[in-house]
Amino acid sequence: MSAWLILLGAGLFEVGFTTCMRYSNGFREIGWTTGFMVCAFLSFSLLDKAAKVIPLGTAYAVWVGIGAVGTLAVGVATGAESLGIVRMALVAGLIACVVGLKFAGNH
């Protein structure tokens, strides 16, 4: 499997653990806390696997970008966060940077 697909999976599990963290009530809700731990373990494990092929700095930046955009998207979808024009422009810039890292690096 492509290291970039593995990294995408790591980023999606990052969205999973941040979402679980949001609903864990300070890690007092056992289901959400368990989800957090499972998603965090899978996210970091996949990041580690991807970073064996993709330079760590690039992999980490892409992982954070996927997690940030995905976590914001979940927040907007659930009504927990708003998304105005300025935030949309900044998120678009973040996405452009993540995509740019995919194509700009020499690895």
C-alpha atoms as a PDB file:
ATOM      1  CA  MET A   1       0.000   0.000   0.000  1.00  0.00           C
ATOM      2  CA  SER A   2       1.208   3.500  -0.789  1.00  0.00           C
ATOM      3  CA  ALA A   3       2.783   5.414   2.081  1.00  0.00           C
ATOM      4  CA  TRP A   4       0.591   8.376   1.126  1.00  0.00           C
ATOM      5  CA  LEU A   5      -2.578   6.297   1.545  1.00  0.00           C
ATOM      6  CA  ILE A   6      -1.285   5.068   4.893  1.00  0.00           C
ATOM      7  CA  LEU A   7      -0.652   8.696   5.867  1.00  0.00           C
ATOM      8  CA  LEU A   8      -4.190   9.605   4.788  1.00  0.00           C
ATOM      9  CA  GLY A   9      -5.491   6.839   7.061  1.00  0.00           C
ATOM     10  CA  ALA A  10      -3.348   8.181   9.912  1.00  0.00           C
ATOM     11  CA  GLY A  11      -4.866  11.626   9.400  1.00  0.00           C
ATOM     12  CA  LEU A  12      -8.398  10.242   9.349  1.00  0.00           C
ATOM     13  CA  PHE A  13      -7.777   8.385  12.606  1.00  0.00           C
ATOM     14  CA  GLU A  14      -6.470  11.676  13.999  1.00  0.00           C
ATOM     15  CA  VAL A  15      -9.871  13.169  13.187  1.00  0.00           C
ATOM     16  CA  GLY A  16     -11.358  10.174  14.988  1.00  0.00           C
ATOM     17  CA  PHE A  17      -9.370  10.725  18.156  1.00  0.00           C
ATOM     18  CA  THR A  18     -10.008  14.469  18.265  1.00  0.00           C
ATOM     19  CA  THR A  19     -13.723  13.866  17.749  1.00  0.00           C
ATOM     20  CA  CYS A  20     -13.752  11.252  20.517  1.00  0.00           C
ATOM     21  CA  MET A  21     -11.846  13.654  22.750  1.00  0.00           C
ATOM     22  CA  ARG A  22     -14.494  16.332  22.140  1.00  0.00           C
ATOM     23  CA  TYR A  23     -17.245  14.018  23.378  1.00  0.00           C
ATOM     24  CA  SER A  24     -15.305  12.194  26.118  1.00  0.00           C
ATOM     25  CA  ASN A  25     -16.298  14.730  28.811  1.00  0.00           C
ATOM     26  CA  GLY A  26     -12.771  15.023  30.156  1.00  0.00           C
ATOM     27  CA  PHE A  27     -12.184  11.297  29.511  1.00  0.00           C
ATOM     28  CA  ARG A  28     -15.024  10.390  31.873  1.00  0.00           C
ATOM     29  CA  GLU A  29     -17.216   8.787  29.168  1.00  0.00           C
ATOM     30  CA  ILE A  30     -15.807   5.273  28.743  1.00  0.00           C
ATOM     31  CA  GLY A  31     -17.039   4.726  25.163  1.00  0.00           C
ATOM     32  CA  TRP A  32     -15.615   7.977  23.829  1.00  0.00           C
ATOM     33  CA  THR A  33     -12.432   7.505  25.857  1.00  0.00           C
ATOM     34  CA  THR A  34     -11.989   4.014  24.423  1.00  0.00           C
ATOM     35  CA  GLY A  35     -12.584   5.391  20.928  1.00  0.00           C
ATOM     36  CA  PHE A  36      -9.981   8.061  21.595  1.00  0.00           C
ATOM     37  CA  MET A  37      -7.389   5.501  22.676  1.00  0.00           C
ATOM     38  CA  VAL A  38      -8.043   3.167  19.728  1.00  0.00           C
ATOM     39  CA  CYS A  39      -7.995   5.982  17.164  1.00  0.00           C
ATOM     40  CA  ALA A  40      -4.887   7.573  18.706  1.00  0.00           C
ATOM     41  CA  PHE A  41      -3.032   4.260  18.673  1.00  0.00           C
ATOM     42  CA  LEU A  42      -3.988   3.588  15.041  1.00  0.00           C
ATOM     43  CA  SER A  43      -3.219   7.162  13.979  1.00  0.00           C
ATOM     44  CA  PHE A  44       0.263   7.190  15.496  1.00  0.00           C
ATOM     45  CA  SER A  45       1.000   3.659  14.280  1.00  0.00           C
ATOM     46  CA  LEU A  46       0.067   4.550  10.706  1.00  0.00           C
ATOM     47  CA  LEU A  47       2.012   7.830  10.918  1.00  0.00           C
ATOM     48  CA  ASP A  48       5.055   5.858  12.039  1.00  0.00           C
ATOM     49  CA  LYS A  49       4.641   3.408   9.157  1.00  0.00           C
ATOM     50  CA  ALA A  50       4.218   6.196   6.567  1.00  0.00           C
ATOM     51  CA  ALA A  51       7.244   8.067   7.957  1.00  0.00           C
ATOM     52  CA  LYS A  52       9.451   5.125   7.072  1.00  0.00           C
ATOM     53  CA  VAL A  53       8.988   6.143   3.410  1.00  0.00           C
ATOM     54  CA  ILE A  54       7.935   9.810   3.557  1.00  0.00           C
ATOM     55  CA  PRO A  55      10.333  12.192   5.349  1.00  0.00           C
ATOM     56  CA  LEU A  56       9.088  12.687   8.916  1.00  0.00           C
ATOM     57  CA  GLY A  57       8.756  16.474   8.670  1.00  0.00           C
ATOM     58  CA  THR A  58       6.604  16.177   5.570  1.00  0.00           C
ATOM     59  CA  ALA A  59       4.576  13.267   6.970  1.00  0.00           C
ATOM     60  CA  TYR A  60       3.956  15.112  10.223  1.00  0.00           C
ATOM     61  CA  ALA A  61       2.887  18.333   8.487  1.00  0.00           C
ATOM     62  CA  VAL A  62       0.474  16.456   6.221  1.00  0.00           C
ATOM     63  CA  TRP A  63      -0.870  14.435   9.185  1.00  0.00           C
ATOM     64  CA  VAL A  64      -1.503  17.614  11.180  1.00  0.00           C
ATOM     65  CA  GLY A  65      -3.137  19.286   8.166  1.00  0.00           C
ATOM     66  CA  ILE A  66      -5.500  16.373   7.547  1.00  0.00           C
ATOM     67  CA  GLY A  67      -6.349  16.268  11.236  1.00  0.00           C
ATOM     68  CA  ALA A  68      -6.931  20.008  11.514  1.00  0.00           C
ATOM     69  CA  VAL A  69      -9.131  20.260   8.438  1.00  0.00           C
ATOM     70  CA  GLY A  70     -11.013  17.073   9.270  1.00  0.00           C
ATOM     71  CA  THR A  71     -11.578  18.071  12.895  1.00  0.00           C
ATOM     72  CA  LEU A  72     -12.864  21.465  11.785  1.00  0.00           C
ATOM     73  CA  ALA A  73     -15.158  19.779   9.236  1.00  0.00           C
ATOM     74  CA  VAL A  74     -16.606  17.521  11.938  1.00  0.00           C
ATOM     75  CA  GLY A  75     -17.090  20.536  14.203  1.00  0.00           C
ATOM     76  CA  VAL A  76     -18.905  22.447  11.469  1.00  0.00           C
ATOM     77  CA  ALA A  77     -21.020  19.414  10.515  1.00  0.00           C
ATOM     78  CA  THR A  78     -22.112  18.888  14.132  1.00  0.00           C
ATOM     79  CA  GLY A  79     -22.759  22.583  14.755  1.00  0.00           C
ATOM     80  CA  ALA A  80     -19.998  22.853  17.353  1.00  0.00           C
ATOM     81  CA  GLU A  81     -18.021  25.325  15.211  1.00  0.00           C
ATOM     82  CA  SER A  82     -18.839  27.960  12.631  1.00  0.00           C
ATOM     83  CA  LEU A  83     -17.105  28.526   9.328  1.00  0.00           C
ATOM     84  CA  GLY A  84     -17.056  32.070   8.001  1.00  0.00           C
ATOM     85  CA  ILE A  85     -15.407  33.360   4.851  1.00  0.00           C
ATOM     86  CA  VAL A  86     -12.067  34.101   6.549  1.00  0.00           C
ATOM     87  CA  ARG A  87     -11.877  30.637   8.123  1.00  0.00           C
ATOM     88  CA  MET A  88     -12.797  29.053   4.776  1.00  0.00           C
ATOM     89  CA  ALA A  89      -9.982  30.973   3.070  1.00  0.00           C
ATOM     90  CA  LEU A  90      -7.486  29.938   5.741  1.00  0.00           C
ATOM     91  CA  VAL A  91      -8.571  26.293   5.556  1.00  0.00           C
ATOM     92  CA  ALA A  92      -8.240  26.431   1.763  1.00  0.00           C
ATOM     93  CA  GLY A  93      -4.693  27.728   2.251  1.00  0.00           C
ATOM     94  CA  LEU A  94      -3.939  24.895   4.668  1.00  0.00           C
ATOM     95  CA  ILE A  95      -5.259  22.335   2.187  1.00  0.00           C
ATOM     96  CA  ALA A  96      -3.157  23.908  -0.574  1.00  0.00           C
ATOM     97  CA  CYS A  97      -0.064  23.629   1.632  1.00  0.00           C
ATOM     98  CA  VAL A  98      -0.740  19.965   2.426  1.00  0.00           C
ATOM     99  CA  VAL A  99      -1.268  19.129  -1.243  1.00  0.00           C
ATOM    100  CA  GLY A 100       1.831  21.148  -2.115  1.00  0.00           C
ATOM    101  CA  LEU A 101       3.919  19.096   0.307  1.00  0.00           C
ATOM    102  CA  LYS A 102       2.797  15.939  -1.486  1.00  0.00           C
ATOM    103  CA  PHE A 103       4.103  17.215  -4.812  1.00  0.00           C
ATOM    104  CA  ALA A 104       7.008  19.482  -3.832  1.00  0.00           C
ATOM    105  CA  GLY A 105       9.174  17.118  -1.831  1.00  0.00           C
ATOM    106  CA  ASN A 106      12.012  15.111  -3.319  1.00  0.00           C
ATOM    107  CA  HIS A 107      11.685  11.711  -1.686  1.00  0.00           C
END
